[in-house]
Every structure is written in C-alpha cells, then in structure tokens.
Amino acid sequence: MKKIAACIVLLALSAFVATETQAQLLKKLKDKVEKKVLDKTDGNKKDDNSSSSSGNEQEQTNTGGKPTNKGGGGLKNTAPPDVNQQITDAETAHKAGNYSDAHYSIQQALMGVEIQLGREILKSLPPEAAKLPKDTLQDKVMSTQWGWNNMTIQRVYTDQKDKQLTITIGNNSVYSAFASAYFSNMYVQQADNENQKSKQVRVKSNKAIIQYDDSKGYTLIMPMGQTSVIVWECINFADENEVINTASSFDIDGIKKMMGEK
C-alpha cells in the first residue's frame, strides 16, 4: 500500500512539474516572439536609408500585416428600388414558389415607396427657415425597414457659420419614447420650475416638448403618431420663442397628411 501511495504522489508531482514546465516554456516562447517583433520594429525605425520596399514592410507590420488603403473611388449613389418592377418580381417569385425572393421583392417595393414619399416631403419643405437657406447637399431619406419603421427624412438649414436648424421627420424610437414618457409624467417633469430642461409647449395647436442644453442648443419634439415625430434641432437660436415660431413656419398639417398621420 505504501508503494502504491508513493507512486501516486510521484505521478502527481510529475504532472505538476510537467504543467509548470510547459507553462514556463510557453511563456519563454511568447517572450521570444515579442522580442523579435520589437527588435524588427526598432531596426526599421533606425534604418533611415531603407528602400521603399522596406518602408512597405514596416507599414504592413505596423498595421497587423494589412496594407493601408490609399484610394478606391468609394461607392456611387444608387437609384431607389423600382416599385412596379419589384412588385412584378414578387408575383413571379410567388408563382414559382420562391417565397424568400417574393418576400425580398415586396420589401424592396415598400422601401421604394418610402424613399419616393421622403423625397416628396423634402420638396414640400420651405427653401428657407429662420432666414437660413436650405443645404440640399445634406438632404437625407433613409429607409432601413419597411412599414414606416426606421424611416428618416432630414434637412439642414444653415448660414455655414454658427447658426443651424436640422429638421428630422419620421420614426425615431429615442425621441418618441422620451415624448411618451414625458406626457405620461408631465407634472413630475415640471416639478422644478426654476431650472427646467424640458417643458411642454404647443406648435400650431400640436403638443410638443422643448429641451435646452448648453452644448446642443434647443431641441423641439412634436409627436405625430405612435412612433412618428418631427424634431427641430436648433443651434445658436436666440430663445425658445424663435424656435417655436420657426417650427410653426413649416406646413405641419401637410407633412402629417403625407405621412398618413391624423
């Protein structure tokens, strides 16, 4: 029995030593690799007369073995999906029993409708707001899902200096959730009347919330439906009256009608 116990102890010690030795070997190997990489990097730094090929090797080493992209032309803007064509494709795919393609084509058709609607709403917006001209280069119509989910229409009015107005129309879960919570707890929100950061106002008889932040300026949020909102972000506006008057200059009823909101 004593011999058996001694053998077990020896085997355990051997396994422990083997494990410790293996760990030490791995650590030494890791240290060697790191030292080689550092030596190579230092050598590249010291070699001021290295050839262009050496410079490329250094660049690839510093970026993890990948070259740095220096051009490519980017991506060109594509036309929105052709609604009629997508509907035809959906019907063809459905008849063939290819339901995945039919579903995709329907999504593309609805996305095309949303983008067309967004462009029409942009056309309906005034060319000037708060004496700021529109900057059409910053116009955006985005549709990432169908059924009005995550549809965003955006325009910027700016003097190209320090005053700017950004109007965003569509589905915005962050702002709509804030508006819903605010109107549900209006009296709690307005408890501190001296230093209000948010308060309820009216924009052409529509309920809205106005916020102020020293770094962001004024933000006016007007719900249109369950999740649809119009948001005016105003930088360097004189006061809340200028913000509300500017928002009132937009055809809010027309926007709501085009969005299908009552």
C-alpha atoms as a PDB file:
ATOM      1  CA  MET A   1       0.000   0.000   0.000  1.00  0.00           C
ATOM      2  CA  LYS A   2       2.843   2.374   0.855  1.00  0.00           C
ATOM      3  CA  LYS A   3       4.445   1.713  -2.531  1.00  0.00           C
ATOM      4  CA  ILE A   4       1.167   2.403  -4.339  1.00  0.00           C
ATOM      5  CA  ALA A   5       0.682   5.658  -2.410  1.00  0.00           C
ATOM      6  CA  ALA A   6       4.246   6.713  -3.180  1.00  0.00           C
ATOM      7  CA  CYS A   7       3.712   6.035  -6.879  1.00  0.00           C
ATOM      8  CA  ILE A   8       0.547   8.134  -6.905  1.00  0.00           C
ATOM      9  CA  VAL A   9       2.381  11.018  -5.217  1.00  0.00           C
ATOM     10  CA  LEU A  10       5.243  10.765  -7.717  1.00  0.00           C
ATOM     11  CA  LEU A  11       2.827  10.762 -10.670  1.00  0.00           C
ATOM     12  CA  ALA A  12       1.005  13.828  -9.294  1.00  0.00           C
ATOM     13  CA  LEU A  13       4.295  15.647  -8.786  1.00  0.00           C
ATOM     14  CA  SER A  14       5.420  14.719 -12.293  1.00  0.00           C
ATOM     15  CA  ALA A  15       2.169  16.045 -13.774  1.00  0.00           C
ATOM     16  CA  PHE A  16       2.506  19.250 -11.751  1.00  0.00           C
ATOM     17  CA  VAL A  17       6.125  19.707 -12.812  1.00  0.00           C
ATOM     18  CA  ALA A  18       5.211  18.939 -16.422  1.00  0.00           C
ATOM     19  CA  THR A  19       2.429  21.523 -16.288  1.00  0.00           C
ATOM     20  CA  GLU A  20       4.712  24.104 -14.702  1.00  0.00           C
ATOM     21  CA  THR A  21       7.455  23.334 -17.221  1.00  0.00           C
ATOM     22  CA  GLN A  22       5.028  23.597 -20.132  1.00  0.00           C
ATOM     23  CA  ALA A  23       3.734  26.935 -18.841  1.00  0.00           C
ATOM     24  CA  GLN A  24       7.292  28.239 -18.465  1.00  0.00           C
ATOM     25  CA  LEU A  25       8.192  27.084 -21.955  1.00  0.00           C
ATOM     26  CA  LEU A  26       5.122  28.767 -23.420  1.00  0.00           C
ATOM     27  CA  LYS A  27       5.950  31.990 -21.576  1.00  0.00           C
ATOM     28  CA  LYS A  28       9.560  31.885 -22.808  1.00  0.00           C
ATOM     29  CA  LEU A  29       8.362  31.260 -26.367  1.00  0.00           C
ATOM     30  CA  LYS A  30       5.913  34.153 -26.119  1.00  0.00           C
ATOM     31  CA  ASP A  31       8.655  36.448 -24.770  1.00  0.00           C
ATOM     32  CA  LYS A  32      10.971  35.440 -27.634  1.00  0.00           C
ATOM     33  CA  VAL A  33       8.339  36.206 -30.250  1.00  0.00           C
ATOM     34  CA  GLU A  34       7.571  39.584 -28.668  1.00  0.00           C
ATOM     35  CA  LYS A  35      11.298  40.393 -28.515  1.00  0.00           C
ATOM     36  CA  LYS A  36      11.731  39.545 -32.197  1.00  0.00           C
ATOM     37  CA  VAL A  37       8.824  41.772 -33.173  1.00  0.00           C
ATOM     38  CA  LEU A  38      10.201  44.639 -31.064  1.00  0.00           C
ATOM     39  CA  ASP A  39      13.725  44.179 -32.466  1.00  0.00           C
ATOM     40  CA  LYS A  40      12.360  44.196 -36.001  1.00  0.00           C
ATOM     41  CA  THR A  41      10.320  47.333 -35.357  1.00  0.00           C
ATOM     42  CA  ASP A  42      13.276  49.117 -33.728  1.00  0.00           C
ATOM     43  CA  GLY A  43      15.505  48.078 -36.608  1.00  0.00           C
ATOM     44  CA  ASN A  44      13.089  49.542 -39.123  1.00  0.00           C
ATOM     45  CA  LYS A  45      12.963  52.799 -37.157  1.00  0.00           C
ATOM     46  CA  LYS A  46      16.776  53.079 -37.004  1.00  0.00           C
ATOM     47  CA  ASP A  47      17.306  52.302 -40.686  1.00  0.00           C
ATOM     48  CA  ASP A  48      16.868  55.760 -42.186  1.00  0.00           C
ATOM     49  CA  ASN A  49      18.281  54.661 -45.547  1.00  0.00           C
ATOM     50  CA  SER A  50      15.901  51.767 -46.051  1.00  0.00           C
ATOM     51  CA  SER A  51      14.451  51.196 -49.512  1.00  0.00           C
ATOM     52  CA  SER A  52      10.816  51.808 -50.453  1.00  0.00           C
ATOM     53  CA  SER A  53      10.141  48.083 -50.188  1.00  0.00           C
ATOM     54  CA  SER A  54      11.394  48.113 -46.583  1.00  0.00           C
ATOM     55  CA  GLY A  55       9.056  51.012 -45.873  1.00  0.00           C
ATOM     56  CA  ASN A  56       6.173  48.966 -47.213  1.00  0.00           C
ATOM     57  CA  GLU A  57       7.163  46.057 -44.981  1.00  0.00           C
ATOM     58  CA  GLN A  58       7.256  48.366 -41.946  1.00  0.00           C
ATOM     59  CA  GLU A  59       3.836  49.784 -42.840  1.00  0.00           C
ATOM     60  CA  GLN A  60       2.385  46.297 -43.180  1.00  0.00           C
ATOM     61  CA  THR A  61       3.937  45.246 -39.844  1.00  0.00           C
ATOM     62  CA  ASN A  62       2.530  48.279 -38.042  1.00  0.00           C
ATOM     63  CA  THR A  63      -0.978  47.580 -39.372  1.00  0.00           C
ATOM     64  CA  GLY A  64      -1.019  43.950 -38.397  1.00  0.00           C
ATOM     65  CA  GLY A  65       0.153  42.652 -41.758  1.00  0.00           C
ATOM     66  CA  LYS A  66      -2.514  44.536 -43.741  1.00  0.00           C
ATOM     67  CA  PRO A  67      -1.708  47.317 -46.211  1.00  0.00           C
ATOM     68  CA  THR A  68      -3.266  50.747 -45.701  1.00  0.00           C
ATOM     69  CA  ASN A  69      -5.955  51.655 -48.233  1.00  0.00           C
ATOM     70  CA  LYS A  70      -4.992  54.766 -50.196  1.00  0.00           C
ATOM     71  CA  GLY A  71      -7.920  55.074 -52.582  1.00  0.00           C
ATOM     72  CA  GLY A  72     -10.643  53.265 -54.442  1.00  0.00           C
ATOM     73  CA  GLY A  73     -13.269  55.755 -55.516  1.00  0.00           C
ATOM     74  CA  GLY A  74     -15.869  54.861 -52.891  1.00  0.00           C
ATOM     75  CA  LEU A  75     -19.453  53.838 -53.654  1.00  0.00           C
ATOM     76  CA  LYS A  76     -21.767  55.581 -56.093  1.00  0.00           C
ATOM     77  CA  ASN A  77     -25.284  56.545 -55.073  1.00  0.00           C
ATOM     78  CA  THR A  78     -27.817  54.084 -56.455  1.00  0.00           C
ATOM     79  CA  ALA A  79     -31.372  54.741 -57.571  1.00  0.00           C
ATOM     80  CA  PRO A  80     -34.182  53.663 -55.210  1.00  0.00           C
ATOM     81  CA  PRO A  81     -35.899  50.346 -55.993  1.00  0.00           C
ATOM     82  CA  ASP A  82     -38.314  50.415 -58.962  1.00  0.00           C
ATOM     83  CA  VAL A  83     -41.655  49.790 -57.235  1.00  0.00           C
ATOM     84  CA  ASN A  84     -43.503  48.363 -60.247  1.00  0.00           C
ATOM     85  CA  GLN A  85     -40.602  46.095 -61.194  1.00  0.00           C
ATOM     86  CA  GLN A  86     -40.253  44.815 -57.634  1.00  0.00           C
ATOM     87  CA  ILE A  87     -43.991  44.016 -57.491  1.00  0.00           C
ATOM     88  CA  THR A  88     -43.700  42.111 -60.790  1.00  0.00           C
ATOM     89  CA  ASP A  89     -40.671  40.226 -59.450  1.00  0.00           C
ATOM     90  CA  ALA A  90     -42.579  39.371 -56.269  1.00  0.00           C
ATOM     91  CA  GLU A  91     -45.504  37.963 -58.259  1.00  0.00           C
ATOM     92  CA  THR A  92     -43.172  35.906 -60.459  1.00  0.00           C
ATOM     93  CA  ALA A  93     -41.291  34.530 -57.460  1.00  0.00           C
ATOM     94  CA  HIS A  94     -44.557  33.752 -55.621  1.00  0.00           C
ATOM     95  CA  LYS A  95     -45.956  31.792 -58.581  1.00  0.00           C
ATOM     96  CA  ALA A  96     -42.714  29.823 -58.777  1.00  0.00           C
ATOM     97  CA  GLY A  97     -42.948  29.006 -55.077  1.00  0.00           C
ATOM     98  CA  ASN A  98     -39.809  31.013 -54.301  1.00  0.00           C
ATOM     99  CA  TYR A  99     -41.246  32.746 -51.235  1.00  0.00           C
ATOM    100  CA  SER A 100     -37.930  34.088 -49.971  1.00  0.00           C
ATOM    101  CA  ASP A 101     -37.391  36.075 -53.176  1.00  0.00           C
ATOM    102  CA  ALA A 102     -41.055  37.152 -53.168  1.00  0.00           C
ATOM    103  CA  HIS A 103     -40.677  38.467 -49.618  1.00  0.00           C
ATOM    104  CA  TYR A 104     -37.483  40.311 -50.541  1.00  0.00           C
ATOM    105  CA  SER A 105     -39.075  41.943 -53.611  1.00  0.00           C
ATOM    106  CA  ILE A 106     -42.052  43.117 -51.545  1.00  0.00           C
ATOM    107  CA  GLN A 107     -39.676  44.673 -49.026  1.00  0.00           C
ATOM    108  CA  GLN A 108     -37.806  46.410 -51.843  1.00  0.00           C
ATOM    109  CA  ALA A 109     -41.059  47.719 -53.311  1.00  0.00           C
ATOM    110  CA  LEU A 110     -42.148  49.161 -49.962  1.00  0.00           C
ATOM    111  CA  MET A 111     -38.706  50.680 -49.470  1.00  0.00           C
ATOM    112  CA  GLY A 112     -39.040  52.316 -52.875  1.00  0.00           C
ATOM    113  CA  VAL A 113     -42.403  53.795 -51.869  1.00  0.00           C
ATOM    114  CA  GLU A 114     -40.898  55.191 -48.659  1.00  0.00           C
ATOM    115  CA  ILE A 115     -37.983  56.798 -50.472  1.00  0.00           C
ATOM    116  CA  GLN A 116     -40.327  58.374 -53.032  1.00  0.00           C
ATOM    117  CA  LEU A 117     -42.509  59.674 -50.192  1.00  0.00           C
ATOM    118  CA  GLY A 118     -39.462  61.046 -48.399  1.00  0.00           C
ATOM    119  CA  ARG A 119     -38.356  62.927 -51.485  1.00  0.00           C
ATOM    120  CA  GLU A 120     -41.832  64.410 -51.904  1.00  0.00           C
ATOM    121  CA  ILE A 121     -41.806  65.600 -48.285  1.00  0.00           C
ATOM    122  CA  LEU A 122     -38.393  67.193 -48.822  1.00  0.00           C
ATOM    123  CA  LYS A 123     -39.809  69.058 -51.840  1.00  0.00           C
ATOM    124  CA  SER A 124     -42.654  70.378 -49.690  1.00  0.00           C
ATOM    125  CA  LEU A 125     -40.315  71.891 -47.086  1.00  0.00           C
ATOM    126  CA  PRO A 126     -39.638  75.641 -47.311  1.00  0.00           C
ATOM    127  CA  PRO A 127     -36.456  76.798 -49.063  1.00  0.00           C
ATOM    128  CA  GLU A 128     -35.618  78.963 -46.041  1.00  0.00           C
ATOM    129  CA  ALA A 129     -36.256  78.772 -42.281  1.00  0.00           C
ATOM    130  CA  ALA A 130     -35.305  81.364 -39.655  1.00  0.00           C
ATOM    131  CA  LYS A 131     -33.622  83.254 -42.513  1.00  0.00           C
ATOM    132  CA  LEU A 132     -31.340  80.254 -43.000  1.00  0.00           C
ATOM    133  CA  PRO A 133     -31.098  78.795 -46.528  1.00  0.00           C
ATOM    134  CA  LYS A 134     -31.509  75.059 -47.040  1.00  0.00           C
ATOM    135  CA  ASP A 135     -28.414  72.948 -47.643  1.00  0.00           C
ATOM    136  CA  THR A 136     -29.638  70.319 -50.114  1.00  0.00           C
ATOM    137  CA  LEU A 137     -26.268  68.557 -50.027  1.00  0.00           C
ATOM    138  CA  GLN A 138     -27.221  67.353 -46.555  1.00  0.00           C
ATOM    139  CA  ASP A 139     -30.711  66.122 -47.506  1.00  0.00           C
ATOM    140  CA  LYS A 140     -31.307  62.552 -46.345  1.00  0.00           C
ATOM    141  CA  VAL A 141     -34.029  59.999 -46.980  1.00  0.00           C
ATOM    142  CA  MET A 142     -33.311  56.722 -45.192  1.00  0.00           C
ATOM    143  CA  SER A 143     -35.375  53.562 -45.033  1.00  0.00           C
ATOM    144  CA  THR A 144     -33.827  50.557 -43.313  1.00  0.00           C
ATOM    145  CA  GLN A 145     -37.012  48.542 -42.821  1.00  0.00           C
ATOM    146  CA  TRP A 146     -40.483  48.567 -44.301  1.00  0.00           C
ATOM    147  CA  GLY A 147     -43.758  49.626 -42.693  1.00  0.00           C
ATOM    148  CA  TRP A 148     -42.537  53.119 -41.626  1.00  0.00           C
ATOM    149  CA  ASN A 149     -40.025  51.527 -39.251  1.00  0.00           C
ATOM    150  CA  ASN A 150     -36.768  53.459 -39.077  1.00  0.00           C
ATOM    151  CA  MET A 151     -37.748  55.783 -41.904  1.00  0.00           C
ATOM    152  CA  THR A 152     -35.970  59.112 -41.594  1.00  0.00           C
ATOM    153  CA  ILE A 153     -36.240  62.312 -43.631  1.00  0.00           C
ATOM    154  CA  GLN A 154     -33.784  65.064 -42.795  1.00  0.00           C
ATOM    155  CA  ARG A 155     -32.930  68.552 -43.988  1.00  0.00           C
ATOM    156  CA  VAL A 156     -30.423  71.097 -42.725  1.00  0.00           C
ATOM    157  CA  TYR A 157     -30.753  74.891 -42.848  1.00  0.00           C
ATOM    158  CA  THR A 158     -27.535  76.739 -42.121  1.00  0.00           C
ATOM    159  CA  ASP A 159     -25.673  80.022 -42.562  1.00  0.00           C
ATOM    160  CA  GLN A 160     -22.472  77.958 -42.921  1.00  0.00           C
ATOM    161  CA  LYS A 161     -21.129  79.703 -39.817  1.00  0.00           C
ATOM    162  CA  ASP A 162     -22.591  79.125 -36.390  1.00  0.00           C
ATOM    163  CA  LYS A 163     -26.389  79.038 -36.731  1.00  0.00           C
ATOM    164  CA  GLN A 164     -28.116  75.873 -37.889  1.00  0.00           C
ATOM    165  CA  LEU A 165     -31.511  74.176 -37.937  1.00  0.00           C
ATOM    166  CA  THR A 166     -31.940  70.466 -38.592  1.00  0.00           C
ATOM    167  CA  ILE A 167     -35.438  69.077 -39.109  1.00  0.00           C
ATOM    168  CA  THR A 168     -35.920  65.315 -38.874  1.00  0.00           C
ATOM    169  CA  ILE A 169     -39.209  63.661 -39.816  1.00  0.00           C
ATOM    170  CA  GLY A 170     -40.159  60.023 -39.377  1.00  0.00           C
ATOM    171  CA  ASN A 171     -39.680  57.212 -36.934  1.00  0.00           C
ATOM    172  CA  ASN A 172     -37.290  57.910 -34.091  1.00  0.00           C
ATOM    173  CA  SER A 173     -37.609  55.469 -31.216  1.00  0.00           C
ATOM    174  CA  VAL A 174     -35.437  57.544 -28.874  1.00  0.00           C
ATOM    175  CA  TYR A 175     -37.383  60.792 -29.254  1.00  0.00           C
ATOM    176  CA  SER A 176     -40.809  59.121 -29.425  1.00  0.00           C
ATOM    177  CA  ALA A 177     -40.104  57.131 -26.253  1.00  0.00           C
ATOM    178  CA  PHE A 178     -38.997  60.307 -24.480  1.00  0.00           C
ATOM    179  CA  ALA A 179     -42.120  62.165 -25.622  1.00  0.00           C
ATOM    180  CA  SER A 180     -44.398  59.342 -24.488  1.00  0.00           C
ATOM    181  CA  ALA A 181     -42.724  59.160 -21.075  1.00  0.00           C
ATOM    182  CA  TYR A 182     -42.817  62.932 -20.705  1.00  0.00           C
ATOM    183  CA  PHE A 183     -46.509  63.338 -21.484  1.00  0.00           C
ATOM    184  CA  SER A 184     -47.323  60.426 -19.185  1.00  0.00           C
ATOM    185  CA  ASN A 185     -45.461  62.090 -16.288  1.00  0.00           C
ATOM    186  CA  MET A 186     -45.893  65.752 -17.165  1.00  0.00           C
ATOM    187  CA  TYR A 187     -46.361  67.023 -13.628  1.00  0.00           C
ATOM    188  CA  VAL A 188     -43.267  65.211 -12.384  1.00  0.00           C
ATOM    189  CA  GLN A 189     -41.199  66.600 -15.252  1.00  0.00           C
ATOM    190  CA  GLN A 190     -42.286  70.154 -14.432  1.00  0.00           C
ATOM    191  CA  ALA A 191     -41.669  69.971 -10.675  1.00  0.00           C
ATOM    192  CA  ASP A 192     -38.546  72.144 -10.864  1.00  0.00           C
ATOM    193  CA  ASN A 193     -39.898  75.340 -12.413  1.00  0.00           C
ATOM    194  CA  GLU A 194     -36.736  77.361 -11.855  1.00  0.00           C
ATOM    195  CA  ASN A 195     -34.312  75.255 -13.849  1.00  0.00           C
ATOM    196  CA  GLN A 196     -36.419  73.417 -16.383  1.00  0.00           C
ATOM    197  CA  LYS A 197     -34.518  71.482 -19.011  1.00  0.00           C
ATOM    198  CA  SER A 198     -37.714  70.289 -20.708  1.00  0.00           C
ATOM    199  CA  LYS A 199     -41.239  71.616 -20.862  1.00  0.00           C
ATOM    200  CA  GLN A 200     -44.454  71.185 -22.800  1.00  0.00           C
ATOM    201  CA  VAL A 201     -45.371  73.715 -25.494  1.00  0.00           C
ATOM    202  CA  ARG A 202     -47.726  73.991 -28.468  1.00  0.00           C
ATOM    203  CA  VAL A 203     -46.765  74.190 -32.129  1.00  0.00           C
ATOM    204  CA  LYS A 204     -49.808  75.127 -34.186  1.00  0.00           C
ATOM    205  CA  SER A 205     -52.082  73.510 -31.560  1.00  0.00           C
ATOM    206  CA  ASN A 206     -49.951  70.336 -31.571  1.00  0.00           C
ATOM    207  CA  LYS A 207     -48.452  69.102 -28.295  1.00  0.00           C
ATOM    208  CA  ALA A 208     -44.682  69.302 -28.265  1.00  0.00           C
ATOM    209  CA  ILE A 209     -41.707  69.238 -25.907  1.00  0.00           C
ATOM    210  CA  ILE A 210     -38.848  71.693 -25.970  1.00  0.00           C
ATOM    211  CA  GLN A 211     -35.470  70.977 -24.407  1.00  0.00           C
ATOM    212  CA  TYR A 212     -32.397  73.091 -23.913  1.00  0.00           C
ATOM    213  CA  ASP A 213     -28.783  72.080 -23.451  1.00  0.00           C
ATOM    214  CA  ASP A 214     -25.825  74.458 -23.335  1.00  0.00           C
ATOM    215  CA  SER A 215     -23.778  72.310 -25.710  1.00  0.00           C
ATOM    216  CA  LYS A 216     -26.568  71.271 -28.119  1.00  0.00           C
ATOM    217  CA  GLY A 217     -28.922  74.241 -28.069  1.00  0.00           C
ATOM    218  CA  TYR A 218     -32.697  73.775 -28.424  1.00  0.00           C
ATOM    219  CA  THR A 219     -34.482  70.557 -29.390  1.00  0.00           C
ATOM    220  CA  LEU A 220     -38.203  70.686 -30.190  1.00  0.00           C
ATOM    221  CA  ILE A 221     -40.006  67.334 -30.393  1.00  0.00           C
ATOM    222  CA  MET A 222     -43.535  67.056 -31.798  1.00  0.00           C
ATOM    223  CA  PRO A 223     -45.175  63.584 -31.892  1.00  0.00           C
ATOM    224  CA  MET A 224     -47.302  62.825 -34.959  1.00  0.00           C
ATOM    225  CA  GLY A 225     -48.464  59.308 -34.141  1.00  0.00           C
ATOM    226  CA  GLN A 226     -47.453  56.256 -32.138  1.00  0.00           C
ATOM    227  CA  THR A 227     -43.789  56.430 -33.122  1.00  0.00           C
ATOM    228  CA  SER A 228     -43.583  59.180 -35.755  1.00  0.00           C
ATOM    229  CA  VAL A 229     -42.191  62.552 -34.721  1.00  0.00           C
ATOM    230  CA  ILE A 230     -40.942  65.832 -36.133  1.00  0.00           C
ATOM    231  CA  VAL A 231     -37.775  67.080 -34.447  1.00  0.00           C
ATOM    232  CA  TRP A 232     -36.248  70.530 -34.846  1.00  0.00           C
ATOM    233  CA  GLU A 233     -32.661  70.816 -33.572  1.00  0.00           C
ATOM    234  CA  CYS A 234     -31.716  74.478 -33.302  1.00  0.00           C
ATOM    235  CA  ILE A 235     -28.176  75.672 -32.684  1.00  0.00           C
ATOM    236  CA  ASN A 236     -27.493  79.279 -31.624  1.00  0.00           C
ATOM    237  CA  PHE A 237     -31.122  80.381 -31.688  1.00  0.00           C
ATOM    238  CA  ALA A 238     -31.918  83.426 -29.551  1.00  0.00           C
ATOM    239  CA  ASP A 239     -34.610  81.834 -27.376  1.00  0.00           C
ATOM    240  CA  GLU A 240     -37.439  79.309 -27.278  1.00  0.00           C
ATOM    241  CA  ASN A 241     -39.857  81.722 -28.985  1.00  0.00           C
ATOM    242  CA  GLU A 242     -37.644  81.842 -32.078  1.00  0.00           C
ATOM    243  CA  VAL A 243     -37.554  78.030 -32.096  1.00  0.00           C
ATOM    244  CA  ILE A 244     -41.344  77.663 -31.822  1.00  0.00           C
ATOM    245  CA  ASN A 245     -42.035  80.389 -34.401  1.00  0.00           C
ATOM    246  CA  THR A 246     -39.614  78.748 -36.826  1.00  0.00           C
ATOM    247  CA  ALA A 247     -41.240  75.345 -36.352  1.00  0.00           C
ATOM    248  CA  SER A 248     -44.670  76.933 -36.934  1.00  0.00           C
ATOM    249  CA  SER A 249     -43.485  78.193 -40.339  1.00  0.00           C
ATOM    250  CA  PHE A 250     -43.448  74.588 -41.612  1.00  0.00           C
ATOM    251  CA  ASP A 251     -46.566  73.003 -43.143  1.00  0.00           C
ATOM    252  CA  ILE A 252     -47.093  70.573 -40.285  1.00  0.00           C
ATOM    253  CA  ASP A 253     -50.588  69.522 -41.375  1.00  0.00           C
ATOM    254  CA  GLY A 254     -49.288  68.810 -44.866  1.00  0.00           C
ATOM    255  CA  ILE A 255     -46.436  66.681 -43.501  1.00  0.00           C
ATOM    256  CA  LYS A 256     -48.808  64.725 -41.252  1.00  0.00           C
ATOM    257  CA  LYS A 257     -51.165  64.110 -44.170  1.00  0.00           C
ATOM    258  CA  MET A 258     -48.354  62.851 -46.403  1.00  0.00           C
ATOM    259  CA  MET A 259     -47.145  60.583 -43.602  1.00  0.00           C
ATOM    260  CA  GLY A 260     -50.677  59.222 -43.150  1.00  0.00           C
ATOM    261  CA  GLU A 261     -50.957  60.627 -39.623  1.00  0.00           C
ATOM    262  CA  LYS A 262     -54.087  62.383 -38.374  1.00  0.00           C
END
